[in-house]
Amino acid sequence: MIPSPSRRRRTAGRLALWLLIACLPSLPGLPATAAEGQAKVESQGNLPIEITADRLLADSSRETVTFEGNVRAVQGEVTLYSDRLFAEYSGTAKTIETIVAEGHVRVLHSGKEGRADRAVFYNQEQRIVLSGGATLSQGEDSLTGDNVTIYLRENRSVVTGGDRGRVRAVIHPRGVVDRKGPDRGGR
């Protein structure tokens, strides 16, 4: 029995949604195998973070640094842009513990992009929380919600709605739907 065109479209839509869910949670990206991915994420947190900006304000007594104006932070293959960036570091361990980015936040990695009003990056946990109209996109596909939490070590993410509305996904199923059929002028 040949499935109806509407059933094929529903099946293709479910497949596209599954592919989007499988691809977008890895915003900072992970290699193909779980073992390689875990090793990469573990080492990612130990890589240096290079931050450039127009201005720097350091407070050694509070172990904080604030960067302002055209901020760009790079750790490994992840790049973060924002208007302001506030970093807390541990003087004894000499590592950045958390980074708070505000204003036109943009996170890039391997053709994937996250945008929000604010982002908090927990370096040792390898977790990113985007808030305030957060969007994840890859190509034409996108997920939008009030908050997006990306758990890098677990290769998963959670998108939640809030004051700004419900979660929204826009998926473009490429090449999945058979466009030839009775309703499209085919057999």
N, C-alpha and C. Protein backbone atom coordinates (compact mmCIF):
# COMPACT_ATOMS: atom_id res chain seq x y z
N MET A 1 0.84 -1.19 0.00
CA MET A 1 0.00 0.00 0.00
C MET A 1 0.88 1.25 0.00
N ILE A 2 0.59 2.17 -0.87
CA ILE A 2 1.35 3.41 -0.98
C ILE A 2 0.72 4.45 -0.05
N PRO A 3 1.56 5.08 0.83
CA PRO A 3 1.01 6.08 1.75
C PRO A 3 0.48 7.30 0.99
N SER A 4 -0.54 7.94 1.53
CA SER A 4 -1.12 9.13 0.92
C SER A 4 -0.11 10.28 0.99
N PRO A 5 -0.28 11.27 0.11
CA PRO A 5 0.64 12.43 0.14
C PRO A 5 0.64 13.13 1.50
N SER A 6 -0.53 13.25 2.15
CA SER A 6 -0.56 13.94 3.45
C SER A 6 0.20 13.13 4.50
N ARG A 7 0.10 11.79 4.43
CA ARG A 7 0.84 10.95 5.37
C ARG A 7 2.34 11.05 5.12
N ARG A 8 2.75 11.11 3.83
CA ARG A 8 4.17 11.27 3.51
C ARG A 8 4.69 12.60 4.05
N ARG A 9 3.89 13.68 3.93
CA ARG A 9 4.31 14.99 4.44
C ARG A 9 4.44 14.96 5.96
N ARG A 10 3.46 14.32 6.67
CA ARG A 10 3.55 14.21 8.13
C ARG A 10 4.78 13.44 8.54
N THR A 11 5.04 12.32 7.85
CA THR A 11 6.22 11.51 8.16
C THR A 11 7.49 12.30 7.89
N ALA A 12 7.52 13.02 6.77
CA ALA A 12 8.70 13.84 6.46
C ALA A 12 8.87 14.94 7.49
N GLY A 13 7.76 15.54 7.93
CA GLY A 13 7.84 16.59 8.95
C GLY A 13 8.38 16.05 10.26
N ARG A 14 7.93 14.84 10.67
CA ARG A 14 8.46 14.24 11.90
C ARG A 14 9.94 13.94 11.76
N LEU A 15 10.35 13.43 10.58
CA LEU A 15 11.76 13.14 10.35
C LEU A 15 12.58 14.42 10.41
N ALA A 16 12.08 15.50 9.78
CA ALA A 16 12.81 16.78 9.81
C ALA A 16 12.93 17.30 11.23
N LEU A 17 11.83 17.18 12.03
CA LEU A 17 11.89 17.63 13.42
C LEU A 17 12.93 16.82 14.19
N TRP A 18 12.94 15.51 13.99
CA TRP A 18 13.92 14.66 14.66
C TRP A 18 15.34 15.07 14.27
N LEU A 19 15.57 15.33 12.98
CA LEU A 19 16.90 15.75 12.53
C LEU A 19 17.28 17.09 13.15
N LEU A 20 16.34 18.03 13.23
CA LEU A 20 16.63 19.32 13.83
C LEU A 20 16.99 19.17 15.30
N ILE A 21 16.21 18.36 16.02
CA ILE A 21 16.49 18.13 17.43
C ILE A 21 17.84 17.46 17.61
N ALA A 22 18.19 16.55 16.71
CA ALA A 22 19.47 15.85 16.80
C ALA A 22 20.65 16.77 16.49
N CYS A 23 20.44 17.75 15.60
CA CYS A 23 21.55 18.60 15.17
C CYS A 23 21.73 19.85 16.03
N LEU A 24 20.66 20.57 16.32
CA LEU A 24 20.78 21.85 17.00
C LEU A 24 21.27 21.77 18.44
N PRO A 25 20.98 20.73 19.23
CA PRO A 25 21.49 20.74 20.60
C PRO A 25 23.01 20.79 20.68
N SER A 26 23.67 20.43 19.62
CA SER A 26 25.13 20.41 19.65
C SER A 26 25.69 21.73 19.17
N LEU A 27 25.05 22.85 19.54
CA LEU A 27 25.47 24.17 19.09
C LEU A 27 26.98 24.34 19.12
N PRO A 28 27.67 24.12 20.25
CA PRO A 28 29.10 24.21 20.22
C PRO A 28 29.74 23.04 19.50
N GLY A 29 29.00 22.03 19.14
CA GLY A 29 29.46 20.95 18.28
C GLY A 29 30.23 19.88 19.00
N LEU A 30 29.95 18.66 18.63
CA LEU A 30 30.65 17.52 19.17
C LEU A 30 31.02 16.58 18.03
N PRO A 31 32.14 15.84 18.14
CA PRO A 31 32.52 14.89 17.10
C PRO A 31 31.53 13.74 17.00
N ALA A 32 31.74 12.87 16.00
CA ALA A 32 30.79 11.81 15.68
C ALA A 32 30.61 10.78 16.79
N THR A 33 31.65 10.33 17.43
CA THR A 33 31.50 9.28 18.44
C THR A 33 31.39 9.87 19.83
N ALA A 34 30.70 9.16 20.71
CA ALA A 34 30.50 9.64 22.08
C ALA A 34 31.82 9.79 22.82
N ALA A 35 32.74 8.84 22.65
CA ALA A 35 34.03 8.90 23.34
C ALA A 35 34.84 10.11 22.88
N GLU A 36 34.87 10.34 21.56
CA GLU A 36 35.58 11.52 21.03
C GLU A 36 34.92 12.79 21.53
N GLY A 37 33.59 12.80 21.52
CA GLY A 37 32.85 13.98 21.96
C GLY A 37 33.10 14.30 23.40
N GLN A 38 33.07 13.30 24.28
CA GLN A 38 33.32 13.53 25.71
C GLN A 38 34.72 14.06 25.93
N ALA A 39 35.71 13.48 25.25
CA ALA A 39 37.09 13.94 25.41
C ALA A 39 37.23 15.38 24.93
N LYS A 40 36.57 15.71 23.81
CA LYS A 40 36.66 17.07 23.29
C LYS A 40 36.02 18.07 24.23
N VAL A 41 34.84 17.74 24.77
CA VAL A 41 34.15 18.65 25.70
C VAL A 41 34.95 18.80 26.98
N GLU A 42 35.50 17.70 27.49
CA GLU A 42 36.31 17.77 28.71
C GLU A 42 37.50 18.70 28.50
N SER A 43 38.19 18.56 27.35
CA SER A 43 39.36 19.40 27.11
C SER A 43 38.98 20.83 26.75
N GLN A 44 37.79 21.03 26.17
CA GLN A 44 37.34 22.37 25.79
C GLN A 44 37.36 23.32 26.98
N GLY A 45 36.93 22.86 28.16
CA GLY A 45 36.89 23.70 29.35
C GLY A 45 38.25 24.10 29.86
N ASN A 46 39.30 23.38 29.43
CA ASN A 46 40.66 23.70 29.87
C ASN A 46 41.42 24.54 28.85
N LEU A 47 40.82 24.81 27.70
CA LEU A 47 41.48 25.64 26.69
C LEU A 47 41.47 27.09 27.12
N PRO A 48 42.45 27.87 26.69
CA PRO A 48 42.46 29.29 27.04
C PRO A 48 41.28 30.01 26.38
N ILE A 49 40.81 31.06 27.04
CA ILE A 49 39.75 31.90 26.51
C ILE A 49 40.39 33.23 26.14
N GLU A 50 40.38 33.56 24.85
CA GLU A 50 40.95 34.83 24.39
C GLU A 50 39.82 35.83 24.23
N ILE A 51 39.93 36.96 24.94
CA ILE A 51 38.87 37.97 24.91
C ILE A 51 39.47 39.29 24.43
N THR A 52 38.82 39.91 23.44
CA THR A 52 39.23 41.23 22.98
C THR A 52 38.04 42.18 23.10
N ALA A 53 38.31 43.46 23.37
CA ALA A 53 37.26 44.45 23.54
C ALA A 53 37.86 45.85 23.43
N ASP A 54 37.01 46.86 23.43
CA ASP A 54 37.47 48.25 23.38
C ASP A 54 38.01 48.70 24.73
N ARG A 55 37.48 48.11 25.82
CA ARG A 55 37.85 48.57 27.16
C ARG A 55 37.84 47.40 28.13
N LEU A 56 38.72 47.44 29.12
CA LEU A 56 38.80 46.40 30.15
C LEU A 56 38.84 47.04 31.52
N LEU A 57 38.01 46.51 32.44
CA LEU A 57 38.00 46.96 33.83
C LEU A 57 38.27 45.74 34.69
N ALA A 58 39.38 45.74 35.43
CA ALA A 58 39.74 44.58 36.25
C ALA A 58 39.63 44.94 37.73
N ASP A 59 39.12 43.99 38.53
CA ASP A 59 39.01 44.15 39.97
C ASP A 59 39.61 42.90 40.61
N SER A 60 40.89 42.97 40.94
CA SER A 60 41.60 41.81 41.49
C SER A 60 41.06 41.37 42.84
N SER A 61 40.59 42.33 43.66
CA SER A 61 40.07 41.95 44.98
C SER A 61 38.80 41.11 44.87
N ARG A 62 38.00 41.35 43.83
CA ARG A 62 36.77 40.56 43.62
C ARG A 62 36.97 39.44 42.60
N GLU A 63 38.14 39.36 42.03
CA GLU A 63 38.48 38.37 41.00
C GLU A 63 37.48 38.43 39.85
N THR A 64 37.30 39.65 39.31
CA THR A 64 36.41 39.86 38.17
C THR A 64 37.08 40.73 37.12
N VAL A 65 36.63 40.57 35.90
CA VAL A 65 37.08 41.40 34.79
C VAL A 65 35.84 41.73 33.96
N THR A 66 35.72 43.00 33.56
CA THR A 66 34.61 43.41 32.71
C THR A 66 35.20 43.95 31.41
N PHE A 67 34.67 43.45 30.30
CA PHE A 67 35.08 43.91 28.97
C PHE A 67 33.89 44.64 28.37
N GLU A 68 34.14 45.77 27.71
CA GLU A 68 33.07 46.56 27.12
C GLU A 68 33.42 46.98 25.71
N GLY A 69 32.41 47.00 24.85
CA GLY A 69 32.58 47.48 23.49
C GLY A 69 33.16 46.45 22.54
N ASN A 70 32.36 46.01 21.59
CA ASN A 70 32.80 45.08 20.55
C ASN A 70 33.55 43.87 21.13
N VAL A 71 32.94 43.22 22.08
CA VAL A 71 33.58 42.11 22.78
C VAL A 71 33.56 40.86 21.90
N ARG A 72 34.68 40.18 21.88
CA ARG A 72 34.81 38.90 21.17
C ARG A 72 35.58 37.95 22.07
N ALA A 73 34.96 36.80 22.41
CA ALA A 73 35.61 35.79 23.24
C ALA A 73 35.69 34.49 22.45
N VAL A 74 36.87 33.87 22.45
CA VAL A 74 37.08 32.64 21.69
C VAL A 74 37.67 31.59 22.62
N GLN A 75 37.05 30.41 22.65
CA GLN A 75 37.61 29.26 23.35
C GLN A 75 37.49 28.07 22.40
N GLY A 76 38.63 27.58 21.94
CA GLY A 76 38.61 26.48 20.99
C GLY A 76 37.87 26.88 19.74
N GLU A 77 36.83 26.13 19.41
CA GLU A 77 36.06 26.37 18.19
C GLU A 77 34.80 27.21 18.42
N VAL A 78 34.62 27.73 19.64
CA VAL A 78 33.43 28.51 19.96
C VAL A 78 33.80 29.99 20.03
N THR A 79 32.99 30.84 19.37
CA THR A 79 33.21 32.28 19.41
C THR A 79 31.95 32.95 19.93
N LEU A 80 32.11 33.88 20.87
CA LEU A 80 31.00 34.62 21.46
C LEU A 80 31.23 36.11 21.23
N TYR A 81 30.20 36.80 20.76
CA TYR A 81 30.24 38.26 20.57
C TYR A 81 29.19 38.89 21.48
N SER A 82 29.49 40.08 22.01
CA SER A 82 28.50 40.81 22.82
C SER A 82 28.95 42.25 22.98
N ASP A 83 28.08 43.06 23.59
CA ASP A 83 28.42 44.46 23.90
C ASP A 83 29.26 44.53 25.17
N ARG A 84 28.91 43.68 26.17
CA ARG A 84 29.61 43.65 27.45
C ARG A 84 29.83 42.21 27.86
N LEU A 85 30.91 41.99 28.56
CA LEU A 85 31.20 40.64 29.06
C LEU A 85 31.81 40.77 30.45
N PHE A 86 31.25 40.04 31.38
CA PHE A 86 31.70 40.05 32.77
C PHE A 86 32.21 38.65 33.09
N ALA A 87 33.47 38.55 33.51
CA ALA A 87 34.06 37.23 33.80
C ALA A 87 34.48 37.15 35.25
N GLU A 88 34.11 36.04 35.89
CA GLU A 88 34.58 35.74 37.25
C GLU A 88 35.63 34.65 37.12
N TYR A 89 36.74 34.85 37.83
CA TYR A 89 37.80 33.86 37.75
C TYR A 89 38.27 33.46 39.13
N SER A 90 38.91 32.33 39.18
CA SER A 90 39.46 31.85 40.44
C SER A 90 40.94 32.17 40.44
N GLY A 91 41.36 32.98 41.40
CA GLY A 91 42.78 33.36 41.49
C GLY A 91 43.66 32.18 41.83
N THR A 92 43.18 31.27 42.65
CA THR A 92 43.99 30.11 43.03
C THR A 92 44.09 29.10 41.89
N ALA A 93 42.98 28.81 41.23
CA ALA A 93 43.00 27.84 40.14
C ALA A 93 43.39 28.49 38.81
N LYS A 94 43.37 29.82 38.76
CA LYS A 94 43.71 30.59 37.57
C LYS A 94 42.85 30.19 36.36
N THR A 95 41.55 30.00 36.61
CA THR A 95 40.63 29.66 35.53
C THR A 95 39.42 30.57 35.59
N ILE A 96 38.82 30.80 34.43
CA ILE A 96 37.57 31.54 34.37
C ILE A 96 36.45 30.58 34.74
N GLU A 97 35.65 30.96 35.72
CA GLU A 97 34.56 30.10 36.18
C GLU A 97 33.27 30.37 35.42
N THR A 98 32.85 31.64 35.36
CA THR A 98 31.64 32.00 34.62
C THR A 98 31.89 33.25 33.79
N ILE A 99 31.17 33.32 32.70
CA ILE A 99 31.18 34.49 31.83
C ILE A 99 29.74 34.89 31.62
N VAL A 100 29.43 36.17 31.84
CA VAL A 100 28.10 36.70 31.57
C VAL A 100 28.25 37.70 30.43
N ALA A 101 27.56 37.43 29.32
CA ALA A 101 27.59 38.31 28.16
C ALA A 101 26.23 38.99 28.03
N GLU A 102 26.25 40.30 27.74
CA GLU A 102 25.00 41.05 27.62
C GLU A 102 25.05 41.95 26.41
N GLY A 103 23.89 42.12 25.79
CA GLY A 103 23.77 43.03 24.66
C GLY A 103 24.20 42.42 23.35
N HIS A 104 23.24 42.16 22.46
CA HIS A 104 23.51 41.61 21.13
C HIS A 104 24.41 40.37 21.18
N VAL A 105 24.07 39.43 22.04
CA VAL A 105 24.88 38.23 22.22
C VAL A 105 24.72 37.32 21.01
N ARG A 106 25.86 36.83 20.55
CA ARG A 106 25.89 35.91 19.41
C ARG A 106 26.95 34.85 19.67
N VAL A 107 26.58 33.57 19.55
CA VAL A 107 27.51 32.46 19.75
C VAL A 107 27.60 31.69 18.44
N LEU A 108 28.81 31.44 17.96
CA LEU A 108 29.01 30.74 16.68
C LEU A 108 29.85 29.49 16.87
N HIS A 109 29.49 28.44 16.10
CA HIS A 109 30.30 27.23 16.04
C HIS A 109 29.82 26.34 14.90
N SER A 110 30.70 25.98 14.02
CA SER A 110 30.44 25.00 12.95
C SER A 110 29.14 25.25 12.20
N GLY A 111 28.92 26.45 11.75
CA GLY A 111 27.73 26.74 10.98
C GLY A 111 26.47 26.88 11.80
N LYS A 112 26.58 26.82 13.11
CA LYS A 112 25.43 26.98 14.00
C LYS A 112 25.56 28.31 14.72
N GLU A 113 24.42 28.91 15.02
CA GLU A 113 24.45 30.23 15.66
C GLU A 113 23.37 30.33 16.73
N GLY A 114 23.75 30.89 17.88
CA GLY A 114 22.81 31.20 18.95
C GLY A 114 22.79 32.70 19.15
N ARG A 115 21.61 33.26 19.36
CA ARG A 115 21.46 34.70 19.61
C ARG A 115 20.53 34.90 20.79
N ALA A 116 20.83 35.93 21.60
CA ALA A 116 19.99 36.24 22.76
C ALA A 116 20.36 37.61 23.28
N ASP A 117 19.56 38.09 24.25
CA ASP A 117 19.89 39.35 24.93
C ASP A 117 21.02 39.13 25.92
N ARG A 118 21.08 37.89 26.47
CA ARG A 118 22.04 37.60 27.55
C ARG A 118 22.46 36.14 27.46
N ALA A 119 23.71 35.87 27.84
CA ALA A 119 24.19 34.49 27.90
C ALA A 119 25.08 34.34 29.12
N VAL A 120 24.98 33.18 29.78
CA VAL A 120 25.88 32.85 30.88
C VAL A 120 26.57 31.55 30.49
N PHE A 121 27.88 31.57 30.49
CA PHE A 121 28.68 30.40 30.15
C PHE A 121 29.37 29.91 31.41
N TYR A 122 29.08 28.67 31.80
CA TYR A 122 29.70 28.05 32.96
C TYR A 122 30.83 27.17 32.43
N ASN A 123 32.06 27.66 32.52
CA ASN A 123 33.20 27.04 31.87
C ASN A 123 33.46 25.61 32.33
N GLN A 124 33.59 25.38 33.63
CA GLN A 124 33.92 24.04 34.12
C GLN A 124 32.79 23.04 33.87
N GLU A 125 31.54 23.49 33.90
CA GLU A 125 30.40 22.62 33.62
C GLU A 125 30.15 22.46 32.14
N GLN A 126 30.74 23.33 31.33
CA GLN A 126 30.50 23.37 29.89
C GLN A 126 29.00 23.44 29.60
N ARG A 127 28.38 24.49 30.17
CA ARG A 127 26.95 24.74 30.02
C ARG A 127 26.76 26.19 29.64
N ILE A 128 25.89 26.44 28.67
CA ILE A 128 25.58 27.79 28.22
C ILE A 128 24.09 28.02 28.41
N VAL A 129 23.72 29.16 29.02
CA VAL A 129 22.32 29.52 29.18
C VAL A 129 22.09 30.82 28.42
N LEU A 130 21.28 30.75 27.36
CA LEU A 130 20.90 31.92 26.58
C LEU A 130 19.53 32.36 27.07
N SER A 131 19.35 33.66 27.30
CA SER A 131 18.05 34.13 27.79
C SER A 131 17.67 35.44 27.13
N GLY A 132 16.36 35.69 27.14
CA GLY A 132 15.85 36.92 26.54
C GLY A 132 15.71 36.79 25.04
N GLY A 133 14.69 36.05 24.60
CA GLY A 133 14.47 35.88 23.17
C GLY A 133 15.56 35.08 22.50
N ALA A 134 15.90 33.95 23.07
CA ALA A 134 17.00 33.13 22.56
C ALA A 134 16.60 32.39 21.27
N THR A 135 17.53 32.32 20.34
CA THR A 135 17.32 31.62 19.07
C THR A 135 18.54 30.77 18.76
N LEU A 136 18.28 29.52 18.34
CA LEU A 136 19.32 28.65 17.81
C LEU A 136 19.01 28.43 16.35
N SER A 137 20.01 28.54 15.48
CA SER A 137 19.75 28.31 14.07
C SER A 137 20.90 27.58 13.40
N GLN A 138 20.52 26.85 12.36
CA GLN A 138 21.49 26.19 11.50
C GLN A 138 20.89 26.24 10.11
N GLY A 139 21.54 26.99 9.23
CA GLY A 139 20.96 27.21 7.91
C GLY A 139 19.64 27.95 8.06
N GLU A 140 18.58 27.42 7.41
CA GLU A 140 17.26 28.05 7.48
C GLU A 140 16.45 27.57 8.68
N ASP A 141 16.89 26.51 9.35
CA ASP A 141 16.16 25.94 10.49
C ASP A 141 16.46 26.73 11.76
N SER A 142 15.42 26.88 12.61
CA SER A 142 15.64 27.64 13.84
C SER A 142 14.71 27.16 14.96
N LEU A 143 15.18 27.37 16.19
CA LEU A 143 14.41 27.15 17.41
C LEU A 143 14.43 28.46 18.18
N THR A 144 13.28 28.89 18.69
CA THR A 144 13.20 30.14 19.43
C THR A 144 12.43 29.91 20.73
N GLY A 145 12.92 30.52 21.80
CA GLY A 145 12.25 30.45 23.10
C GLY A 145 12.76 31.56 23.97
N ASP A 146 12.22 31.68 25.16
CA ASP A 146 12.70 32.71 26.08
C ASP A 146 14.08 32.33 26.62
N ASN A 147 14.26 31.02 26.89
CA ASN A 147 15.54 30.52 27.41
C ASN A 147 15.97 29.27 26.67
N VAL A 148 17.27 29.17 26.44
CA VAL A 148 17.86 27.96 25.87
C VAL A 148 19.03 27.58 26.76
N THR A 149 19.01 26.36 27.28
CA THR A 149 20.13 25.85 28.07
C THR A 149 20.79 24.74 27.28
N ILE A 150 22.09 24.87 27.06
CA ILE A 150 22.84 23.88 26.29
C ILE A 150 23.79 23.16 27.24
N TYR A 151 23.60 21.86 27.37
CA TYR A 151 24.44 21.02 28.21
C TYR A 151 25.44 20.32 27.29
N LEU A 152 26.65 20.86 27.21
CA LEU A 152 27.63 20.37 26.26
C LEU A 152 28.08 18.94 26.56
N ARG A 153 28.32 18.63 27.81
CA ARG A 153 28.80 17.29 28.17
C ARG A 153 27.77 16.21 27.86
N GLU A 154 26.51 16.56 27.93
CA GLU A 154 25.43 15.60 27.70
C GLU A 154 24.90 15.66 26.28
N ASN A 155 25.41 16.58 25.47
CA ASN A 155 24.98 16.78 24.10
C ASN A 155 23.45 16.92 24.01
N ARG A 156 22.90 17.82 24.84
CA ARG A 156 21.47 18.06 24.81
C ARG A 156 21.20 19.52 25.14
N SER A 157 20.01 19.96 24.78
CA SER A 157 19.62 21.32 25.13
C SER A 157 18.14 21.35 25.46
N VAL A 158 17.74 22.37 26.21
CA VAL A 158 16.36 22.55 26.62
C VAL A 158 15.95 23.95 26.22
N VAL A 159 14.84 24.06 25.49
CA VAL A 159 14.30 25.35 25.07
C VAL A 159 12.98 25.54 25.79
N THR A 160 12.82 26.69 26.47
CA THR A 160 11.57 26.95 27.19
C THR A 160 10.99 28.28 26.76
N GLY A 161 9.67 28.37 26.80
CA GLY A 161 8.97 29.62 26.54
C GLY A 161 8.96 30.42 27.83
N GLY A 162 8.27 31.51 27.82
CA GLY A 162 8.20 32.35 29.02
C GLY A 162 7.33 33.55 28.74
N ASP A 163 7.74 34.69 29.27
CA ASP A 163 6.98 35.92 29.10
C ASP A 163 6.80 36.29 27.62
N ARG A 164 7.75 35.92 26.81
CA ARG A 164 7.70 36.28 25.39
C ARG A 164 6.89 35.30 24.55
N GLY A 165 6.41 34.23 25.14
CA GLY A 165 5.57 33.29 24.39
C GLY A 165 6.08 31.87 24.46
N ARG A 166 5.54 31.05 23.59
CA ARG A 166 5.85 29.63 23.54
C ARG A 166 7.10 29.36 22.73
N VAL A 167 7.58 28.14 22.82
CA VAL A 167 8.71 27.70 22.01
C VAL A 167 8.24 27.58 20.56
N ARG A 168 9.12 27.94 19.62
CA ARG A 168 8.77 27.88 18.20
C ARG A 168 9.91 27.23 17.44
N ALA A 169 9.58 26.29 16.56
CA ALA A 169 10.57 25.64 15.69
C ALA A 169 10.15 25.88 14.24
N VAL A 170 11.12 26.26 13.40
CA VAL A 170 10.89 26.41 11.97
C VAL A 170 11.85 25.44 11.29
N ILE A 171 11.27 24.48 10.57
CA ILE A 171 12.06 23.41 9.98
C ILE A 171 11.80 23.37 8.48
N HIS A 172 12.86 23.29 7.71
CA HIS A 172 12.77 23.21 6.26
C HIS A 172 13.24 21.82 5.84
N PRO A 173 12.31 20.87 5.63
CA PRO A 173 12.72 19.52 5.24
C PRO A 173 13.22 19.52 3.80
N ARG A 174 14.51 19.39 3.63
CA ARG A 174 15.13 19.42 2.33
C ARG A 174 15.24 18.01 1.76
N GLY A 175 14.61 17.79 0.62
CA GLY A 175 14.74 16.52 -0.08
C GLY A 175 14.06 15.35 0.59
N VAL A 176 13.28 15.58 1.64
CA VAL A 176 12.65 14.49 2.35
C VAL A 176 11.28 14.18 1.75
N VAL A 177 10.55 15.20 1.34
CA VAL A 177 9.20 15.02 0.83
C VAL A 177 9.26 14.74 -0.66
N ASP A 178 8.57 13.67 -1.12
CA ASP A 178 8.46 13.35 -2.53
C ASP A 178 7.46 14.33 -3.13
N ARG A 179 7.93 15.23 -3.94
CA ARG A 179 7.07 16.27 -4.49
C ARG A 179 6.25 15.78 -5.69
N LYS A 180 6.53 14.58 -6.18
CA LYS A 180 5.76 14.02 -7.28
C LYS A 180 4.72 13.09 -6.68
N GLY A 181 3.53 13.30 -7.00
CA GLY A 181 2.44 12.48 -6.49
C GLY A 181 1.15 12.95 -7.13
N PRO A 182 0.03 12.31 -6.78
CA PRO A 182 -1.24 12.68 -7.39
C PRO A 182 -1.58 14.14 -7.22
N ASP A 183 -1.23 14.71 -6.07
CA ASP A 183 -1.59 16.12 -5.84
C ASP A 183 -0.57 17.09 -6.42
N ARG A 184 0.54 16.59 -7.00
CA ARG A 184 1.58 17.46 -7.55
C ARG A 184 1.78 17.21 -9.05
N GLY A 185 0.86 16.52 -9.66
CA GLY A 185 0.97 16.33 -11.10
C GLY A 185 1.76 15.08 -11.48
N GLY A 186 2.12 14.23 -10.54
CA GLY A 186 2.83 13.00 -10.85
C GLY A 186 1.85 11.86 -10.95
N ARG A 187 2.29 10.64 -10.83
CA ARG A 187 1.41 9.49 -10.90
C ARG A 187 0.51 9.35 -9.71
